Amino acid sequence: PVPRKKNIKQQQKNPKQKTTIVLGDSMVKHPKGLDIGKAIGHRVVVKASFLGARTSDMVHYSKPSILQEPDQIILHCGTNDLHNSGPEAVANRIVDLAQEVKSSTEANVVISELVCRSDPAKNEKVRGTNVLLARLCKQKTCM
């Protein structure tokens, strides 16, 4: 990424506040960034307006957030992929997304586990995906 030029005096007066951005599908629509930020001591922005988004959509949705130069990006996606794909394919897509985002930013990129839904049949796929995600991240030393 191309670093933005900043006035050194301006940086000294207004040091950059640590920022975490949460990018996700509708499963993260309820967290309030302001409340989370107060609890952890820095700014948190929740970008959860991507209802129905699949992992492949998140590549596009992540670009404006990368331009904000956050310190950390948390990716929470993959739940909608489970409608048409199995846990292994979904886990691989999520890790690929994280690596693509990481290649475009200096931010720490974190993968969030998928959360269970109200549909018991999907919950088994969610659990399977989470097991595979953990395994892939250990193998690829990601996030």
N, C-alpha and C. Protein backbone atom coordinates (compact mmCIF):
# COMPACT_ATOMS: atom_id res chain seq x y z
N PRO A 1 0.82 -1.19 0.00
CA PRO A 1 0.00 0.00 0.00
C PRO A 1 0.86 1.25 0.00
N VAL A 2 0.36 2.28 -0.62
CA VAL A 2 1.07 3.55 -0.69
C VAL A 2 0.75 4.35 0.56
N PRO A 3 1.78 4.68 1.38
CA PRO A 3 1.50 5.45 2.59
C PRO A 3 1.07 6.87 2.25
N ARG A 4 0.14 7.37 3.02
CA ARG A 4 -0.31 8.75 2.85
C ARG A 4 0.71 9.68 3.48
N LYS A 5 0.92 10.83 2.86
CA LYS A 5 1.83 11.82 3.42
C LYS A 5 1.09 12.56 4.53
N LYS A 6 1.75 12.67 5.66
CA LYS A 6 1.15 13.38 6.79
C LYS A 6 2.14 14.42 7.29
N ASN A 7 1.62 15.53 7.67
CA ASN A 7 2.41 16.59 8.24
C ASN A 7 2.93 16.13 9.60
N ILE A 8 4.25 16.17 9.80
CA ILE A 8 4.85 15.68 11.04
C ILE A 8 4.34 16.45 12.25
N LYS A 9 4.21 17.77 12.13
CA LYS A 9 3.69 18.56 13.25
C LYS A 9 2.26 18.16 13.57
N GLN A 10 1.47 17.89 12.54
CA GLN A 10 0.08 17.48 12.76
C GLN A 10 0.04 16.13 13.47
N GLN A 11 0.94 15.21 13.10
CA GLN A 11 0.98 13.91 13.76
C GLN A 11 1.32 14.07 15.24
N GLN A 12 2.24 14.98 15.56
CA GLN A 12 2.62 15.17 16.95
C GLN A 12 1.48 15.75 17.77
N LYS A 13 0.69 16.64 17.17
CA LYS A 13 -0.44 17.24 17.87
C LYS A 13 -1.59 16.25 18.02
N ASN A 14 -1.86 15.49 16.97
CA ASN A 14 -2.98 14.55 16.95
C ASN A 14 -2.48 13.16 16.60
N PRO A 15 -1.86 12.47 17.55
CA PRO A 15 -1.38 11.13 17.22
C PRO A 15 -2.56 10.24 16.82
N LYS A 16 -2.31 9.37 15.88
CA LYS A 16 -3.36 8.51 15.36
C LYS A 16 -3.92 7.63 16.48
N GLN A 17 -5.22 7.66 16.61
CA GLN A 17 -5.88 6.82 17.60
C GLN A 17 -5.92 5.40 17.07
N LYS A 18 -5.63 4.43 17.91
CA LYS A 18 -5.69 3.04 17.50
C LYS A 18 -7.11 2.71 17.07
N THR A 19 -7.23 2.03 15.92
CA THR A 19 -8.55 1.73 15.37
C THR A 19 -8.65 0.27 14.97
N THR A 20 -9.76 -0.35 15.33
CA THR A 20 -10.11 -1.70 14.88
C THR A 20 -11.37 -1.60 14.05
N ILE A 21 -11.37 -2.24 12.89
CA ILE A 21 -12.56 -2.28 12.05
C ILE A 21 -13.04 -3.72 11.98
N VAL A 22 -14.32 -3.92 12.24
CA VAL A 22 -14.94 -5.24 12.13
C VAL A 22 -15.74 -5.26 10.84
N LEU A 23 -15.35 -6.14 9.92
CA LEU A 23 -16.06 -6.31 8.66
C LEU A 23 -16.82 -7.62 8.71
N GLY A 24 -18.11 -7.56 8.44
CA GLY A 24 -18.85 -8.80 8.53
C GLY A 24 -20.16 -8.79 7.81
N ASP A 25 -20.78 -9.95 7.82
CA ASP A 25 -22.11 -10.11 7.25
C ASP A 25 -23.14 -9.75 8.32
N SER A 26 -24.37 -10.13 8.10
CA SER A 26 -25.44 -9.74 9.02
C SER A 26 -25.30 -10.36 10.41
N MET A 27 -24.44 -11.35 10.57
CA MET A 27 -24.28 -11.99 11.88
C MET A 27 -23.60 -11.05 12.89
N VAL A 28 -23.02 -9.96 12.42
CA VAL A 28 -22.40 -9.00 13.35
C VAL A 28 -23.12 -7.66 13.32
N LYS A 29 -24.41 -7.69 13.06
CA LYS A 29 -25.14 -6.42 12.93
C LYS A 29 -25.47 -5.76 14.27
N HIS A 30 -25.40 -6.47 15.36
CA HIS A 30 -25.81 -5.88 16.64
C HIS A 30 -24.69 -5.25 17.47
N PRO A 31 -23.44 -5.68 17.35
CA PRO A 31 -22.41 -5.04 18.19
C PRO A 31 -22.29 -3.54 17.91
N LYS A 32 -22.13 -2.79 18.97
CA LYS A 32 -21.98 -1.34 18.85
C LYS A 32 -20.51 -0.99 19.06
N GLY A 33 -19.90 -0.47 18.00
CA GLY A 33 -18.48 -0.14 18.04
C GLY A 33 -18.11 0.77 19.18
N LEU A 34 -18.95 1.77 19.47
CA LEU A 34 -18.65 2.72 20.53
C LEU A 34 -18.56 2.02 21.88
N ASP A 35 -19.50 1.12 22.16
CA ASP A 35 -19.48 0.38 23.43
C ASP A 35 -18.26 -0.54 23.52
N ILE A 36 -17.96 -1.22 22.42
CA ILE A 36 -16.79 -2.11 22.41
C ILE A 36 -15.52 -1.29 22.60
N GLY A 37 -15.45 -0.17 21.90
CA GLY A 37 -14.28 0.70 22.00
C GLY A 37 -14.03 1.19 23.41
N LYS A 38 -15.10 1.57 24.11
CA LYS A 38 -14.96 2.01 25.50
C LYS A 38 -14.42 0.88 26.37
N ALA A 39 -14.89 -0.33 26.11
CA ALA A 39 -14.48 -1.47 26.92
C ALA A 39 -13.01 -1.84 26.70
N ILE A 40 -12.51 -1.69 25.48
CA ILE A 40 -11.13 -2.10 25.21
C ILE A 40 -10.15 -0.94 25.12
N GLY A 41 -10.66 0.29 25.16
CA GLY A 41 -9.78 1.44 25.23
C GLY A 41 -9.30 2.03 23.92
N HIS A 42 -9.93 1.66 22.82
CA HIS A 42 -9.62 2.33 21.56
C HIS A 42 -10.81 2.27 20.62
N ARG A 43 -10.71 3.01 19.54
CA ARG A 43 -11.82 3.15 18.59
C ARG A 43 -12.10 1.83 17.86
N VAL A 44 -13.39 1.47 17.81
CA VAL A 44 -13.83 0.29 17.08
C VAL A 44 -14.94 0.71 16.13
N VAL A 45 -14.80 0.35 14.87
CA VAL A 45 -15.80 0.65 13.86
C VAL A 45 -16.36 -0.68 13.38
N VAL A 46 -17.68 -0.86 13.49
CA VAL A 46 -18.32 -2.09 13.03
C VAL A 46 -18.97 -1.80 11.69
N LYS A 47 -18.51 -2.49 10.66
CA LYS A 47 -19.08 -2.35 9.31
C LYS A 47 -19.90 -3.60 9.05
N ALA A 48 -21.14 -3.58 9.45
CA ALA A 48 -21.97 -4.78 9.35
C ALA A 48 -23.13 -4.59 8.40
N SER A 49 -22.97 -3.70 7.46
CA SER A 49 -24.08 -3.43 6.56
C SER A 49 -24.07 -4.33 5.34
N PHE A 50 -23.33 -5.41 5.41
CA PHE A 50 -23.17 -6.27 4.25
C PHE A 50 -24.07 -7.51 4.38
N LEU A 51 -25.37 -7.25 4.52
CA LEU A 51 -26.33 -8.33 4.70
C LEU A 51 -26.31 -9.26 3.49
N GLY A 52 -26.24 -10.54 3.75
CA GLY A 52 -26.24 -11.53 2.67
C GLY A 52 -24.90 -11.69 1.98
N ALA A 53 -23.89 -10.95 2.45
CA ALA A 53 -22.58 -10.99 1.79
C ALA A 53 -21.92 -12.36 1.94
N ARG A 54 -21.32 -12.78 0.87
CA ARG A 54 -20.51 -14.00 0.88
C ARG A 54 -19.05 -13.59 1.02
N THR A 55 -18.21 -14.55 1.27
CA THR A 55 -16.79 -14.26 1.45
C THR A 55 -16.22 -13.55 0.23
N SER A 56 -16.62 -13.98 -0.96
CA SER A 56 -16.11 -13.34 -2.18
C SER A 56 -16.52 -11.88 -2.27
N ASP A 57 -17.67 -11.51 -1.70
CA ASP A 57 -18.11 -10.11 -1.70
C ASP A 57 -17.25 -9.25 -0.78
N MET A 58 -16.71 -9.86 0.25
CA MET A 58 -15.98 -9.11 1.26
C MET A 58 -14.67 -8.52 0.72
N VAL A 59 -14.13 -9.09 -0.35
CA VAL A 59 -12.93 -8.51 -0.96
C VAL A 59 -13.25 -7.08 -1.36
N HIS A 60 -14.37 -6.89 -2.03
CA HIS A 60 -14.80 -5.56 -2.47
C HIS A 60 -15.12 -4.66 -1.27
N TYR A 61 -15.86 -5.19 -0.31
CA TYR A 61 -16.29 -4.39 0.84
C TYR A 61 -15.12 -3.98 1.74
N SER A 62 -14.03 -4.72 1.70
CA SER A 62 -12.90 -4.41 2.58
C SER A 62 -12.08 -3.21 2.09
N LYS A 63 -12.14 -2.90 0.82
CA LYS A 63 -11.26 -1.87 0.25
C LYS A 63 -11.41 -0.49 0.89
N PRO A 64 -12.63 0.04 1.09
CA PRO A 64 -12.73 1.35 1.74
C PRO A 64 -12.18 1.33 3.18
N SER A 65 -12.34 0.22 3.86
CA SER A 65 -11.83 0.12 5.23
C SER A 65 -10.31 0.10 5.26
N ILE A 66 -9.70 -0.55 4.29
CA ILE A 66 -8.24 -0.59 4.21
C ILE A 66 -7.69 0.82 4.03
N LEU A 67 -8.39 1.63 3.25
CA LEU A 67 -7.95 3.01 3.01
C LEU A 67 -7.96 3.86 4.29
N GLN A 68 -8.71 3.44 5.29
CA GLN A 68 -8.76 4.17 6.56
C GLN A 68 -7.53 3.89 7.43
N GLU A 69 -6.68 3.00 6.97
CA GLU A 69 -5.44 2.64 7.67
C GLU A 69 -5.68 2.23 9.13
N PRO A 70 -6.55 1.25 9.36
CA PRO A 70 -6.77 0.81 10.74
C PRO A 70 -5.56 0.03 11.26
N ASP A 71 -5.52 -0.15 12.55
CA ASP A 71 -4.47 -0.96 13.17
C ASP A 71 -4.82 -2.44 13.10
N GLN A 72 -6.12 -2.71 13.08
CA GLN A 72 -6.58 -4.09 13.08
C GLN A 72 -7.87 -4.20 12.28
N ILE A 73 -7.99 -5.29 11.52
CA ILE A 73 -9.23 -5.59 10.79
C ILE A 73 -9.67 -6.98 11.23
N ILE A 74 -10.90 -7.06 11.72
CA ILE A 74 -11.47 -8.35 12.10
C ILE A 74 -12.46 -8.75 11.01
N LEU A 75 -12.25 -9.92 10.42
CA LEU A 75 -13.13 -10.43 9.37
C LEU A 75 -14.10 -11.43 9.97
N HIS A 76 -15.36 -11.15 9.82
CA HIS A 76 -16.39 -12.07 10.29
C HIS A 76 -17.31 -12.37 9.11
N CYS A 77 -17.03 -13.45 8.42
CA CYS A 77 -17.81 -13.79 7.24
C CYS A 77 -17.79 -15.30 7.04
N GLY A 78 -18.54 -15.76 6.06
CA GLY A 78 -18.56 -17.18 5.74
C GLY A 78 -19.89 -17.85 6.02
N THR A 79 -20.68 -17.27 6.90
CA THR A 79 -21.96 -17.89 7.26
C THR A 79 -22.86 -18.05 6.04
N ASN A 80 -22.93 -17.02 5.20
CA ASN A 80 -23.79 -17.09 4.02
C ASN A 80 -23.26 -18.04 2.96
N ASP A 81 -21.97 -18.32 2.98
CA ASP A 81 -21.38 -19.28 2.04
C ASP A 81 -21.86 -20.70 2.32
N LEU A 82 -22.24 -20.96 3.57
CA LEU A 82 -22.63 -22.32 3.95
C LEU A 82 -23.93 -22.78 3.29
N HIS A 83 -24.67 -21.86 2.68
CA HIS A 83 -25.90 -22.26 1.98
C HIS A 83 -25.58 -23.16 0.80
N ASN A 84 -24.46 -22.88 0.12
CA ASN A 84 -24.14 -23.60 -1.12
C ASN A 84 -22.79 -24.30 -1.11
N SER A 85 -22.05 -24.21 -0.02
CA SER A 85 -20.71 -24.80 0.03
C SER A 85 -20.50 -25.52 1.35
N GLY A 86 -19.58 -26.46 1.32
CA GLY A 86 -19.25 -27.21 2.52
C GLY A 86 -18.23 -26.48 3.37
N PRO A 87 -18.02 -26.97 4.60
CA PRO A 87 -17.11 -26.33 5.54
C PRO A 87 -15.68 -26.15 5.01
N GLU A 88 -15.15 -27.14 4.30
CA GLU A 88 -13.77 -27.03 3.81
C GLU A 88 -13.62 -25.89 2.81
N ALA A 89 -14.55 -25.80 1.86
CA ALA A 89 -14.50 -24.72 0.86
C ALA A 89 -14.64 -23.36 1.53
N VAL A 90 -15.55 -23.26 2.49
CA VAL A 90 -15.79 -21.99 3.17
C VAL A 90 -14.55 -21.58 3.98
N ALA A 91 -13.98 -22.51 4.72
CA ALA A 91 -12.79 -22.20 5.52
C ALA A 91 -11.64 -21.73 4.62
N ASN A 92 -11.45 -22.40 3.50
CA ASN A 92 -10.39 -21.99 2.57
C ASN A 92 -10.64 -20.60 2.02
N ARG A 93 -11.88 -20.29 1.69
CA ARG A 93 -12.21 -18.95 1.17
C ARG A 93 -11.93 -17.86 2.20
N ILE A 94 -12.27 -18.15 3.45
CA ILE A 94 -12.06 -17.15 4.51
C ILE A 94 -10.56 -16.88 4.70
N VAL A 95 -9.76 -17.94 4.73
CA VAL A 95 -8.32 -17.76 4.89
C VAL A 95 -7.73 -17.05 3.68
N ASP A 96 -8.20 -17.39 2.48
CA ASP A 96 -7.74 -16.69 1.27
C ASP A 96 -8.09 -15.21 1.33
N LEU A 97 -9.30 -14.89 1.80
CA LEU A 97 -9.72 -13.50 1.95
C LEU A 97 -8.78 -12.77 2.92
N ALA A 98 -8.52 -13.40 4.06
CA ALA A 98 -7.65 -12.78 5.06
C ALA A 98 -6.26 -12.50 4.49
N GLN A 99 -5.74 -13.44 3.72
CA GLN A 99 -4.42 -13.24 3.13
C GLN A 99 -4.45 -12.14 2.08
N GLU A 100 -5.53 -12.05 1.32
CA GLU A 100 -5.65 -10.98 0.33
C GLU A 100 -5.74 -9.61 1.00
N VAL A 101 -6.55 -9.52 2.05
CA VAL A 101 -6.66 -8.26 2.79
C VAL A 101 -5.30 -7.90 3.38
N LYS A 102 -4.63 -8.87 3.98
CA LYS A 102 -3.33 -8.63 4.61
C LYS A 102 -2.31 -8.12 3.60
N SER A 103 -2.40 -8.57 2.36
CA SER A 103 -1.44 -8.13 1.34
C SER A 103 -1.64 -6.67 0.95
N SER A 104 -2.77 -6.08 1.36
CA SER A 104 -3.10 -4.70 0.99
C SER A 104 -2.98 -3.71 2.14
N THR A 105 -2.56 -4.17 3.30
CA THR A 105 -2.55 -3.29 4.47
C THR A 105 -1.46 -3.70 5.45
N GLU A 106 -1.10 -2.77 6.30
CA GLU A 106 -0.18 -3.08 7.38
C GLU A 106 -0.93 -3.47 8.65
N ALA A 107 -2.24 -3.44 8.59
CA ALA A 107 -3.07 -3.77 9.75
C ALA A 107 -2.93 -5.25 10.11
N ASN A 108 -3.13 -5.53 11.38
CA ASN A 108 -3.23 -6.91 11.84
C ASN A 108 -4.59 -7.42 11.38
N VAL A 109 -4.63 -8.55 10.70
CA VAL A 109 -5.88 -9.11 10.19
C VAL A 109 -6.24 -10.32 11.04
N VAL A 110 -7.46 -10.31 11.56
CA VAL A 110 -7.93 -11.37 12.46
C VAL A 110 -9.16 -12.02 11.84
N ILE A 111 -9.22 -13.34 11.93
CA ILE A 111 -10.39 -14.08 11.45
C ILE A 111 -11.24 -14.44 12.66
N SER A 112 -12.51 -14.09 12.59
CA SER A 112 -13.46 -14.44 13.63
C SER A 112 -14.08 -15.79 13.29
N GLU A 113 -14.32 -16.60 14.31
CA GLU A 113 -15.06 -17.84 14.07
C GLU A 113 -16.48 -17.51 13.64
N LEU A 114 -17.08 -18.42 12.90
CA LEU A 114 -18.49 -18.27 12.55
C LEU A 114 -19.31 -18.51 13.80
N VAL A 115 -20.47 -17.87 13.89
CA VAL A 115 -21.35 -18.08 15.04
C VAL A 115 -22.51 -18.96 14.62
N CYS A 116 -23.03 -19.70 15.60
CA CYS A 116 -24.15 -20.60 15.33
C CYS A 116 -25.41 -19.81 15.01
N ARG A 117 -26.23 -20.41 14.23
CA ARG A 117 -27.48 -19.80 13.79
C ARG A 117 -28.64 -20.50 14.49
N SER A 118 -29.83 -20.06 14.15
CA SER A 118 -31.03 -20.68 14.74
C SER A 118 -31.38 -21.98 14.02
N ASP A 119 -30.73 -22.28 12.92
CA ASP A 119 -30.99 -23.49 12.14
C ASP A 119 -30.03 -24.60 12.58
N PRO A 120 -30.52 -25.62 13.30
CA PRO A 120 -29.64 -26.68 13.81
C PRO A 120 -28.84 -27.39 12.71
N ALA A 121 -29.41 -27.54 11.53
CA ALA A 121 -28.70 -28.20 10.43
C ALA A 121 -27.46 -27.40 10.02
N LYS A 122 -27.57 -26.09 10.04
CA LYS A 122 -26.44 -25.23 9.67
C LYS A 122 -25.39 -25.19 10.78
N ASN A 123 -25.81 -25.40 12.01
CA ASN A 123 -24.87 -25.33 13.12
C ASN A 123 -23.76 -26.37 13.01
N GLU A 124 -24.09 -27.54 12.48
CA GLU A 124 -23.07 -28.58 12.29
C GLU A 124 -22.03 -28.11 11.27
N LYS A 125 -22.49 -27.45 10.22
CA LYS A 125 -21.56 -26.89 9.22
C LYS A 125 -20.72 -25.76 9.83
N VAL A 126 -21.34 -24.96 10.68
CA VAL A 126 -20.61 -23.87 11.34
C VAL A 126 -19.49 -24.45 12.20
N ARG A 127 -19.81 -25.45 13.01
CA ARG A 127 -18.79 -26.06 13.87
C ARG A 127 -17.67 -26.68 13.03
N GLY A 128 -18.04 -27.38 11.96
CA GLY A 128 -17.04 -27.98 11.08
C GLY A 128 -16.14 -26.93 10.44
N THR A 129 -16.73 -25.83 10.02
CA THR A 129 -15.96 -24.75 9.41
C THR A 129 -14.99 -24.16 10.43
N ASN A 130 -15.43 -23.96 11.65
CA ASN A 130 -14.57 -23.39 12.69
C ASN A 130 -13.37 -24.29 13.00
N VAL A 131 -13.59 -25.60 13.04
CA VAL A 131 -12.49 -26.54 13.27
C VAL A 131 -11.48 -26.44 12.13
N LEU A 132 -11.97 -26.41 10.90
CA LEU A 132 -11.08 -26.30 9.75
C LEU A 132 -10.36 -24.96 9.70
N LEU A 133 -11.05 -23.88 10.07
CA LEU A 133 -10.42 -22.56 10.12
C LEU A 133 -9.23 -22.56 11.08
N ALA A 134 -9.44 -23.11 12.25
CA ALA A 134 -8.36 -23.17 13.24
C ALA A 134 -7.18 -23.96 12.70
N ARG A 135 -7.46 -25.08 12.06
CA ARG A 135 -6.40 -25.92 11.51
C ARG A 135 -5.64 -25.19 10.39
N LEU A 136 -6.39 -24.56 9.48
CA LEU A 136 -5.75 -23.83 8.38
C LEU A 136 -4.89 -22.68 8.88
N CYS A 137 -5.39 -21.98 9.87
CA CYS A 137 -4.63 -20.85 10.41
C CYS A 137 -3.34 -21.31 11.07
N LYS A 138 -3.36 -22.45 11.71
CA LYS A 138 -2.13 -22.98 12.31
C LYS A 138 -1.15 -23.39 11.22
N GLN A 139 -1.67 -24.03 10.16
CA GLN A 139 -0.81 -24.48 9.06
C GLN A 139 -0.18 -23.31 8.32
N LYS A 140 -0.96 -22.28 8.10
CA LYS A 140 -0.50 -21.14 7.30
C LYS A 140 0.02 -20.01 8.18
N THR A 141 0.09 -20.24 9.47
CA THR A 141 0.49 -19.22 10.45
C THR A 141 -0.16 -17.88 10.15
N CYS A 142 -1.45 -17.93 9.93
CA CYS A 142 -2.18 -16.70 9.63
C CYS A 142 -2.89 -16.21 10.88
N MET A 143 -3.09 -14.97 10.91
CA MET A 143 -3.87 -14.24 11.90
C MET A 143 -3.64 -14.79 13.27
